[in-house]
């Protein structure tokens, strides 16, 4: 993936999947909505898409077989409809499932919330899975990139941010690091982002809270942006992706890229 131009990654937040507490029984409509959002993101001009089981609250630490099967079906349907790179995130921290799905559907990258270290979350204590992920990568070799959060959102962290970032890359073997705000849609701390960009030997991606208003401020401190909430209708995460809002953001990025080069 080309980080030189600074990647714009749009989120497809899935409705509750089969097996989750809030699933409404209509899997076909769920797939149709996911495909529609993915098509809109591509039509707007985004560089990549990431699919996530966002609606599966309350999240387990690691998902069951029903979730893996369902998410693979949705991801495959999206892969057949769009041509831009595709990523997978399996909440809360099932990087092995994400990699397995990505391998099966020929996706390009995954996001792992806790690759290295420990996070104190609403699911309890979540420990890093770098070893388990490295083992499956060895078993199923591919070019799938690992985007790993450093001090992931919706969690409390007691360790040093700089140490956590370097451990994630050097000992966790992440291909890119993700820096987010405190929760979904919340802006990232600019000082923390700037530090990440300064010390990280791999690309730095903003994982939450990017908007039309703050993107110019974040631009020089990151190599990519994962955007979900702002591109939804009315800026509400539960709504469908808005082509108008997504295109507006892409136009801003084009202007920023022109100023860069």
C-alpha atoms as a PDB file:
ATOM      1  CA  UNK A   1       0.000   0.000   0.000  1.00  0.00           C
ATOM      2  CA  UNK A   2       1.283   3.427  -0.965  1.00  0.00           C
ATOM      3  CA  UNK A   3       1.655   5.584   2.139  1.00  0.00           C
ATOM      4  CA  UNK A   4       3.652   8.284   0.346  1.00  0.00           C
ATOM      5  CA  UNK A   5       0.492  10.093  -0.746  1.00  0.00           C
ATOM      6  CA  UNK A   6      -1.131   9.534   2.686  1.00  0.00           C
ATOM      7  CA  UNK A   7      -3.875   6.904   2.554  1.00  0.00           C
ATOM      8  CA  UNK A   8      -7.559   7.665   3.050  1.00  0.00           C
ATOM      9  CA  UNK A   9      -9.339   4.595   4.441  1.00  0.00           C
ATOM     10  CA  UNK A  10     -13.129   4.511   4.758  1.00  0.00           C
ATOM     11  CA  UNK A  11     -14.936   2.385   7.335  1.00  0.00           C
ATOM     12  CA  UNK A  12     -17.743  -0.054   6.628  1.00  0.00           C
ATOM     13  CA  UNK A  13     -19.333  -0.480  10.058  1.00  0.00           C
ATOM     14  CA  UNK A  14     -21.361  -3.675   9.876  1.00  0.00           C
ATOM     15  CA  UNK A  15     -24.754  -4.083  11.466  1.00  0.00           C
ATOM     16  CA  UNK A  16     -24.964  -6.853  14.110  1.00  0.00           C
ATOM     17  CA  UNK A  17     -23.857 -10.163  12.598  1.00  0.00           C
ATOM     18  CA  UNK A  18     -25.485 -13.581  13.099  1.00  0.00           C
ATOM     19  CA  UNK A  19     -24.660 -14.865  16.565  1.00  0.00           C
ATOM     20  CA  UNK A  20     -24.418 -11.411  18.128  1.00  0.00           C
ATOM     21  CA  UNK A  21     -26.849 -10.166  20.752  1.00  0.00           C
ATOM     22  CA  UNK A  22     -28.510  -7.469  18.586  1.00  0.00           C
ATOM     23  CA  UNK A  23     -28.720  -9.440  15.306  1.00  0.00           C
ATOM     24  CA  UNK A  24     -32.138  -8.872  13.732  1.00  0.00           C
ATOM     25  CA  UNK A  25     -32.279 -12.029  11.613  1.00  0.00           C
ATOM     26  CA  UNK A  26     -31.947 -10.301   8.212  1.00  0.00           C
ATOM     27  CA  UNK A  27     -28.502 -11.260   6.923  1.00  0.00           C
ATOM     28  CA  UNK A  28     -29.282 -10.350   3.309  1.00  0.00           C
ATOM     29  CA  UNK A  29     -30.091  -6.736   4.216  1.00  0.00           C
ATOM     30  CA  UNK A  30     -26.915  -6.541   6.272  1.00  0.00           C
ATOM     31  CA  UNK A  31     -24.848  -7.602   3.263  1.00  0.00           C
ATOM     32  CA  UNK A  32     -26.672  -5.165   0.955  1.00  0.00           C
ATOM     33  CA  UNK A  33     -26.007  -2.274   3.342  1.00  0.00           C
ATOM     34  CA  UNK A  34     -22.323  -3.227   3.623  1.00  0.00           C
ATOM     35  CA  UNK A  35     -21.909  -3.414  -0.157  1.00  0.00           C
ATOM     36  CA  UNK A  36     -23.683  -0.067  -0.601  1.00  0.00           C
ATOM     37  CA  UNK A  37     -21.376   1.634   1.906  1.00  0.00           C
ATOM     38  CA  UNK A  38     -18.299   0.098   0.278  1.00  0.00           C
ATOM     39  CA  UNK A  39     -19.393   1.210  -3.187  1.00  0.00           C
ATOM     40  CA  UNK A  40     -20.012   4.739  -1.914  1.00  0.00           C
ATOM     41  CA  UNK A  41     -16.560   4.895  -0.331  1.00  0.00           C
ATOM     42  CA  UNK A  42     -14.942   3.756  -3.573  1.00  0.00           C
ATOM     43  CA  UNK A  43     -17.063   6.092  -5.712  1.00  0.00           C
ATOM     44  CA  UNK A  44     -16.074   9.031  -3.512  1.00  0.00           C
ATOM     45  CA  UNK A  45     -12.412   8.355  -4.257  1.00  0.00           C
ATOM     46  CA  UNK A  46     -11.070   6.804  -1.049  1.00  0.00           C
ATOM     47  CA  UNK A  47      -7.885   4.743  -1.291  1.00  0.00           C
ATOM     48  CA  UNK A  48      -9.052   1.739   0.752  1.00  0.00           C
ATOM     49  CA  UNK A  49     -11.904   0.256   2.781  1.00  0.00           C
ATOM     50  CA  UNK A  50     -11.909  -1.444   6.156  1.00  0.00           C
ATOM     51  CA  UNK A  51     -14.725  -3.736   7.298  1.00  0.00           C
ATOM     52  CA  UNK A  52     -15.464  -4.182  10.988  1.00  0.00           C
ATOM     53  CA  UNK A  53     -18.044  -6.064  13.080  1.00  0.00           C
ATOM     54  CA  UNK A  54     -18.986  -2.769  14.722  1.00  0.00           C
ATOM     55  CA  UNK A  55     -22.536  -3.783  15.620  1.00  0.00           C
ATOM     56  CA  UNK A  56     -21.645  -6.903  17.598  1.00  0.00           C
ATOM     57  CA  UNK A  57     -21.903  -5.329  21.047  1.00  0.00           C
ATOM     58  CA  UNK A  58     -21.229  -6.429  23.687  1.00  0.00           C
ATOM     59  CA  UNK A  59     -17.944  -7.612  22.175  1.00  0.00           C
ATOM     60  CA  UNK A  60     -16.122 -10.745  23.251  1.00  0.00           C
ATOM     61  CA  UNK A  61     -12.345 -10.667  23.395  1.00  0.00           C
ATOM     62  CA  UNK A  62     -12.227 -13.327  20.680  1.00  0.00           C
ATOM     63  CA  UNK A  63     -15.120 -14.188  18.371  1.00  0.00           C
ATOM     64  CA  UNK A  64     -16.883 -17.493  17.762  1.00  0.00           C
ATOM     65  CA  UNK A  65     -17.098 -19.513  14.554  1.00  0.00           C
ATOM     66  CA  UNK A  66     -20.438 -17.989  13.545  1.00  0.00           C
ATOM     67  CA  UNK A  67     -18.908 -14.511  13.508  1.00  0.00           C
ATOM     68  CA  UNK A  68     -15.892 -15.657  11.504  1.00  0.00           C
ATOM     69  CA  UNK A  69     -18.111 -17.351   8.917  1.00  0.00           C
ATOM     70  CA  UNK A  70     -20.530 -14.411   8.679  1.00  0.00           C
ATOM     71  CA  UNK A  71     -17.839 -11.760   8.435  1.00  0.00           C
ATOM     72  CA  UNK A  72     -16.027 -13.769   5.770  1.00  0.00           C
ATOM     73  CA  UNK A  73     -19.214 -13.922   3.679  1.00  0.00           C
ATOM     74  CA  UNK A  74     -19.729 -10.159   3.965  1.00  0.00           C
ATOM     75  CA  UNK A  75     -16.086  -9.374   3.231  1.00  0.00           C
ATOM     76  CA  UNK A  76     -16.128 -11.634   0.183  1.00  0.00           C
ATOM     77  CA  UNK A  77     -19.246  -9.916  -1.125  1.00  0.00           C
ATOM     78  CA  UNK A  78     -17.549  -6.534  -0.733  1.00  0.00           C
ATOM     79  CA  UNK A  79     -14.337  -7.801  -2.336  1.00  0.00           C
ATOM     80  CA  UNK A  80     -16.315  -8.810  -5.420  1.00  0.00           C
ATOM     81  CA  UNK A  81     -17.905  -5.353  -5.730  1.00  0.00           C
ATOM     82  CA  UNK A  82     -14.983  -2.962  -5.175  1.00  0.00           C
ATOM     83  CA  UNK A  83     -11.451  -2.841  -6.523  1.00  0.00           C
ATOM     84  CA  UNK A  84      -9.625  -0.718  -3.935  1.00  0.00           C
ATOM     85  CA  UNK A  85      -7.647  -2.379  -1.110  1.00  0.00           C
ATOM     86  CA  UNK A  86      -9.693  -4.036   1.616  1.00  0.00           C
ATOM     87  CA  UNK A  87      -8.963  -4.358   5.336  1.00  0.00           C
ATOM     88  CA  UNK A  88     -10.525  -6.431   8.123  1.00  0.00           C
ATOM     89  CA  UNK A  89     -10.922  -5.667  11.829  1.00  0.00           C
ATOM     90  CA  UNK A  90     -12.482  -8.259  14.146  1.00  0.00           C
ATOM     91  CA  UNK A  91     -13.503  -6.753  17.480  1.00  0.00           C
ATOM     92  CA  UNK A  92     -12.527  -6.845  20.150  1.00  0.00           C
ATOM     93  CA  UNK A  93      -9.071  -8.231  19.504  1.00  0.00           C
ATOM     94  CA  UNK A  94      -9.275 -11.292  17.283  1.00  0.00           C
ATOM     95  CA  UNK A  95      -6.353 -10.667  14.960  1.00  0.00           C
ATOM     96  CA  UNK A  96      -6.058 -14.354  14.132  1.00  0.00           C
ATOM     97  CA  UNK A  97      -9.673 -14.374  12.915  1.00  0.00           C
ATOM     98  CA  UNK A  98      -9.069 -11.142  11.003  1.00  0.00           C
ATOM     99  CA  UNK A  99      -6.000 -12.568   9.300  1.00  0.00           C
ATOM    100  CA  UNK A 100      -7.810 -15.820   8.485  1.00  0.00           C
ATOM    101  CA  UNK A 101     -10.707 -13.924   6.897  1.00  0.00           C
ATOM    102  CA  UNK A 102      -8.342 -11.590   5.046  1.00  0.00           C
ATOM    103  CA  UNK A 103      -6.413 -14.573   3.681  1.00  0.00           C
ATOM    104  CA  UNK A 104      -9.588 -16.319   2.522  1.00  0.00           C
ATOM    105  CA  UNK A 105     -11.110 -13.281   0.766  1.00  0.00           C
ATOM    106  CA  UNK A 106      -7.815 -11.867  -0.537  1.00  0.00           C
ATOM    107  CA  UNK A 107      -7.945  -8.720   1.564  1.00  0.00           C
ATOM    108  CA  UNK A 108      -4.908  -6.486   1.880  1.00  0.00           C
ATOM    109  CA  UNK A 109      -4.547  -5.557   5.549  1.00  0.00           C
ATOM    110  CA  UNK A 110      -5.973  -6.093   9.018  1.00  0.00           C
ATOM    111  CA  UNK A 111      -6.258  -3.955  12.138  1.00  0.00           C
ATOM    112  CA  UNK A 112      -5.359  -5.377  15.543  1.00  0.00           C
ATOM    113  CA  UNK A 113      -6.418  -3.436  18.630  1.00  0.00           C
ATOM    114  CA  UNK A 114      -3.889  -4.938  21.049  1.00  0.00           C
ATOM    115  CA  UNK A 115      -0.971  -6.528  19.215  1.00  0.00           C
ATOM    116  CA  UNK A 116       1.509  -5.948  22.025  1.00  0.00           C
ATOM    117  CA  UNK A 117       1.146  -5.174  25.725  1.00  0.00           C
ATOM    118  CA  UNK A 118      -1.983  -5.050  27.880  1.00  0.00           C
ATOM    119  CA  UNK A 119      -5.166  -2.956  27.695  1.00  0.00           C
ATOM    120  CA  UNK A 120      -7.787  -2.542  30.412  1.00  0.00           C
ATOM    121  CA  UNK A 121     -11.122  -2.463  28.594  1.00  0.00           C
ATOM    122  CA  UNK A 122     -14.866  -2.961  28.970  1.00  0.00           C
ATOM    123  CA  UNK A 123     -14.217  -6.580  27.962  1.00  0.00           C
ATOM    124  CA  UNK A 124     -11.710  -6.964  30.800  1.00  0.00           C
ATOM    125  CA  UNK A 125      -7.959  -7.285  30.497  1.00  0.00           C
ATOM    126  CA  UNK A 126      -6.871  -7.842  26.896  1.00  0.00           C
ATOM    127  CA  UNK A 127      -3.360  -9.121  26.244  1.00  0.00           C
ATOM    128  CA  UNK A 128      -1.308  -8.807  23.082  1.00  0.00           C
ATOM    129  CA  UNK A 129      -1.556 -11.500  20.411  1.00  0.00           C
ATOM    130  CA  UNK A 130       1.638 -10.858  18.432  1.00  0.00           C
ATOM    131  CA  UNK A 131       2.907 -14.419  18.906  1.00  0.00           C
ATOM    132  CA  UNK A 132      -0.341 -16.060  17.804  1.00  0.00           C
ATOM    133  CA  UNK A 133      -0.588 -13.791  14.782  1.00  0.00           C
ATOM    134  CA  UNK A 134       3.029 -14.428  13.765  1.00  0.00           C
ATOM    135  CA  UNK A 135       2.373 -18.168  13.890  1.00  0.00           C
ATOM    136  CA  UNK A 136      -0.594 -18.015  11.520  1.00  0.00           C
ATOM    137  CA  UNK A 137       1.317 -15.687   9.190  1.00  0.00           C
ATOM    138  CA  UNK A 138       4.023 -18.337   9.041  1.00  0.00           C
ATOM    139  CA  UNK A 139       1.432 -21.031   8.327  1.00  0.00           C
ATOM    140  CA  UNK A 140      -0.428 -18.929   5.735  1.00  0.00           C
ATOM    141  CA  UNK A 141       2.161 -16.635   4.122  1.00  0.00           C
ATOM    142  CA  UNK A 142       0.776 -13.551   2.386  1.00  0.00           C
ATOM    143  CA  UNK A 143       1.317  -9.854   1.746  1.00  0.00           C
ATOM    144  CA  UNK A 144      -1.404  -8.887   4.249  1.00  0.00           C
ATOM    145  CA  UNK A 145      -0.241  -5.877   6.279  1.00  0.00           C
ATOM    146  CA  UNK A 146      -0.755  -5.587  10.024  1.00  0.00           C
ATOM    147  CA  UNK A 147      -2.058  -2.226  11.280  1.00  0.00           C
ATOM    148  CA  UNK A 148      -1.704  -2.256  15.073  1.00  0.00           C
ATOM    149  CA  UNK A 149      -3.112   0.181  17.604  1.00  0.00           C
ATOM    150  CA  UNK A 150      -0.887   1.798  20.186  1.00  0.00           C
ATOM    151  CA  UNK A 151      -2.861   2.583  23.356  1.00  0.00           C
ATOM    152  CA  UNK A 152      -6.106   1.605  21.642  1.00  0.00           C
ATOM    153  CA  UNK A 153      -9.342   3.567  22.193  1.00  0.00           C
ATOM    154  CA  UNK A 154     -12.052   2.452  24.645  1.00  0.00           C
ATOM    155  CA  UNK A 155      -9.325   1.345  27.049  1.00  0.00           C
ATOM    156  CA  UNK A 156      -7.070   2.446  29.892  1.00  0.00           C
ATOM    157  CA  UNK A 157      -3.295   2.160  29.564  1.00  0.00           C
ATOM    158  CA  UNK A 158      -0.665   2.419  32.277  1.00  0.00           C
ATOM    159  CA  UNK A 159       2.514   1.937  30.237  1.00  0.00           C
ATOM    160  CA  UNK A 160       4.547   4.595  28.453  1.00  0.00           C
ATOM    161  CA  UNK A 161       3.231   5.472  24.971  1.00  0.00           C
ATOM    162  CA  UNK A 162       6.670   5.639  23.363  1.00  0.00           C
ATOM    163  CA  UNK A 163       7.702   2.256  24.762  1.00  0.00           C
ATOM    164  CA  UNK A 164       4.378   0.746  23.685  1.00  0.00           C
ATOM    165  CA  UNK A 165       4.814   2.002  20.129  1.00  0.00           C
ATOM    166  CA  UNK A 166       8.339   0.685  19.764  1.00  0.00           C
ATOM    167  CA  UNK A 167       7.362  -2.675  21.259  1.00  0.00           C
ATOM    168  CA  UNK A 168       4.438  -2.910  18.835  1.00  0.00           C
ATOM    169  CA  UNK A 169       6.786  -2.458  15.888  1.00  0.00           C
ATOM    170  CA  UNK A 170      10.032  -4.055  16.979  1.00  0.00           C
ATOM    171  CA  UNK A 171       8.688  -6.973  19.023  1.00  0.00           C
ATOM    172  CA  UNK A 172       5.123  -7.199  17.676  1.00  0.00           C
ATOM    173  CA  UNK A 173       6.224  -6.818  14.029  1.00  0.00           C
ATOM    174  CA  UNK A 174       3.492  -4.361  13.023  1.00  0.00           C
ATOM    175  CA  UNK A 175       3.632  -2.950   9.500  1.00  0.00           C
ATOM    176  CA  UNK A 176       1.882   0.282  10.558  1.00  0.00           C
ATOM    177  CA  UNK A 177       0.744   1.766  13.857  1.00  0.00           C
ATOM    178  CA  UNK A 178      -2.661   3.291  14.613  1.00  0.00           C
ATOM    179  CA  UNK A 179      -3.147   6.200  17.015  1.00  0.00           C
ATOM    180  CA  UNK A 180      -6.700   7.067  18.113  1.00  0.00           C
ATOM    181  CA  UNK A 181      -8.691   9.244  20.462  1.00  0.00           C
ATOM    182  CA  UNK A 182     -10.384   7.966  23.615  1.00  0.00           C
ATOM    183  CA  UNK A 183     -13.395   6.451  21.804  1.00  0.00           C
ATOM    184  CA  UNK A 184     -15.037   5.949  18.413  1.00  0.00           C
ATOM    185  CA  UNK A 185     -15.295   9.299  16.638  1.00  0.00           C
ATOM    186  CA  UNK A 186     -13.188  11.113  19.240  1.00  0.00           C
ATOM    187  CA  UNK A 187     -10.224  13.135  17.919  1.00  0.00           C
ATOM    188  CA  UNK A 188      -6.675  11.993  18.439  1.00  0.00           C
ATOM    189  CA  UNK A 189      -4.355  13.915  20.755  1.00  0.00           C
ATOM    190  CA  UNK A 190      -2.179  15.997  18.435  1.00  0.00           C
ATOM    191  CA  UNK A 191       0.886  15.859  20.685  1.00  0.00           C
ATOM    192  CA  UNK A 192       0.686  12.072  20.921  1.00  0.00           C
ATOM    193  CA  UNK A 193       0.241  11.791  17.159  1.00  0.00           C
ATOM    194  CA  UNK A 194       3.234  14.054  16.525  1.00  0.00           C
ATOM    195  CA  UNK A 195       5.353  11.939  18.877  1.00  0.00           C
ATOM    196  CA  UNK A 196       4.291   8.776  17.079  1.00  0.00           C
ATOM    197  CA  UNK A 197       5.254  10.251  13.725  1.00  0.00           C
ATOM    198  CA  UNK A 198       8.613  11.340  15.120  1.00  0.00           C
ATOM    199  CA  UNK A 199       9.659   7.999  16.600  1.00  0.00           C
ATOM    200  CA  UNK A 200       7.848   5.382  14.511  1.00  0.00           C
ATOM    201  CA  UNK A 201       9.919   3.422  11.973  1.00  0.00           C
ATOM    202  CA  UNK A 202       6.685   2.415  10.190  1.00  0.00           C
ATOM    203  CA  UNK A 203       3.719   4.443   8.850  1.00  0.00           C
ATOM    204  CA  UNK A 204       1.439   6.152  11.382  1.00  0.00           C
ATOM    205  CA  UNK A 205      -2.334   6.022  10.833  1.00  0.00           C
ATOM    206  CA  UNK A 206      -4.978   8.096  12.627  1.00  0.00           C
ATOM    207  CA  UNK A 207      -7.630   5.672  13.876  1.00  0.00           C
ATOM    208  CA  UNK A 208     -10.497   7.881  15.022  1.00  0.00           C
ATOM    209  CA  UNK A 209     -11.984  11.346  15.035  1.00  0.00           C
ATOM    210  CA  UNK A 210     -10.690  12.644  11.700  1.00  0.00           C
ATOM    211  CA  UNK A 211     -13.049  15.245  10.245  1.00  0.00           C
ATOM    212  CA  UNK A 212     -13.138  17.848   7.506  1.00  0.00           C
ATOM    213  CA  UNK A 213     -12.240  20.531  10.050  1.00  0.00           C
ATOM    214  CA  UNK A 214      -9.284  18.878  11.755  1.00  0.00           C
ATOM    215  CA  UNK A 215      -7.722  16.954   8.860  1.00  0.00           C
ATOM    216  CA  UNK A 216      -5.463  19.867   7.819  1.00  0.00           C
ATOM    217  CA  UNK A 217      -4.091  20.003  11.387  1.00  0.00           C
ATOM    218  CA  UNK A 218      -3.392  16.261  11.426  1.00  0.00           C
ATOM    219  CA  UNK A 219      -2.056  16.042   7.895  1.00  0.00           C
ATOM    220  CA  UNK A 220       1.687  16.465   8.463  1.00  0.00           C
ATOM    221  CA  UNK A 221       1.726  14.124  11.468  1.00  0.00           C
ATOM    222  CA  UNK A 222       0.272  10.999   9.842  1.00  0.00           C
ATOM    223  CA  UNK A 223       0.644   8.731   6.829  1.00  0.00           C
ATOM    224  CA  UNK A 224      -2.972   7.612   6.679  1.00  0.00           C
ATOM    225  CA  UNK A 225      -6.434   8.205   8.104  1.00  0.00           C
ATOM    226  CA  UNK A 226      -9.148   5.683   8.983  1.00  0.00           C
ATOM    227  CA  UNK A 227     -12.430   7.580   8.751  1.00  0.00           C
ATOM    228  CA  UNK A 228     -15.863   6.299   9.681  1.00  0.00           C
ATOM    229  CA  UNK A 229     -18.062   8.606  11.720  1.00  0.00           C
ATOM    230  CA  UNK A 230     -17.545  11.836   9.774  1.00  0.00           C
ATOM    231  CA  UNK A 231     -18.455  10.353   6.385  1.00  0.00           C
ATOM    232  CA  UNK A 232     -21.774   8.978   7.622  1.00  0.00           C
ATOM    233  CA  UNK A 233     -25.040  10.824   6.943  1.00  0.00           C
ATOM    234  CA  UNK A 234     -25.287  13.637   9.471  1.00  0.00           C
ATOM    235  CA  UNK A 235     -21.950  12.607  10.965  1.00  0.00           C
ATOM    236  CA  UNK A 236     -23.660   9.845  12.970  1.00  0.00           C
ATOM    237  CA  UNK A 237     -21.837   6.529  13.103  1.00  0.00           C
ATOM    238  CA  UNK A 238     -25.014   4.407  12.901  1.00  0.00           C
ATOM    239  CA  UNK A 239     -26.064   5.908   9.532  1.00  0.00           C
ATOM    240  CA  UNK A 240     -25.084   4.933   6.005  1.00  0.00           C
ATOM    241  CA  UNK A 241     -22.051   6.463   4.298  1.00  0.00           C
ATOM    242  CA  UNK A 242     -22.871   9.806   2.668  1.00  0.00           C
ATOM    243  CA  UNK A 243     -21.475  10.238  -0.840  1.00  0.00           C
ATOM    244  CA  UNK A 244     -21.594  14.013  -0.453  1.00  0.00           C
ATOM    245  CA  UNK A 245     -19.610  14.038   2.790  1.00  0.00           C
ATOM    246  CA  UNK A 246     -17.140  11.424   1.555  1.00  0.00           C
ATOM    247  CA  UNK A 247     -16.499  13.356  -1.667  1.00  0.00           C
ATOM    248  CA  UNK A 248     -16.028  16.572   0.296  1.00  0.00           C
ATOM    249  CA  UNK A 249     -13.308  14.912   2.345  1.00  0.00           C
ATOM    250  CA  UNK A 250     -11.627  13.469  -0.748  1.00  0.00           C
ATOM    251  CA  UNK A 251     -11.520  16.927  -2.358  1.00  0.00           C
ATOM    252  CA  UNK A 252      -9.834  18.293   0.754  1.00  0.00           C
ATOM    253  CA  UNK A 253      -7.277  15.484   0.640  1.00  0.00           C
ATOM    254  CA  UNK A 254      -6.562  16.200  -3.029  1.00  0.00           C
ATOM    255  CA  UNK A 255      -5.794  19.817  -2.154  1.00  0.00           C
ATOM    256  CA  UNK A 256      -3.572  18.769   0.724  1.00  0.00           C
ATOM    257  CA  UNK A 257      -1.713  16.304  -1.491  1.00  0.00           C
ATOM    258  CA  UNK A 258      -1.101  19.024  -4.080  1.00  0.00           C
ATOM    259  CA  UNK A 259       0.404  21.219  -1.383  1.00  0.00           C
ATOM    260  CA  UNK A 260       2.596  18.288  -0.298  1.00  0.00           C
ATOM    261  CA  UNK A 261       4.024  17.666  -3.742  1.00  0.00           C
END
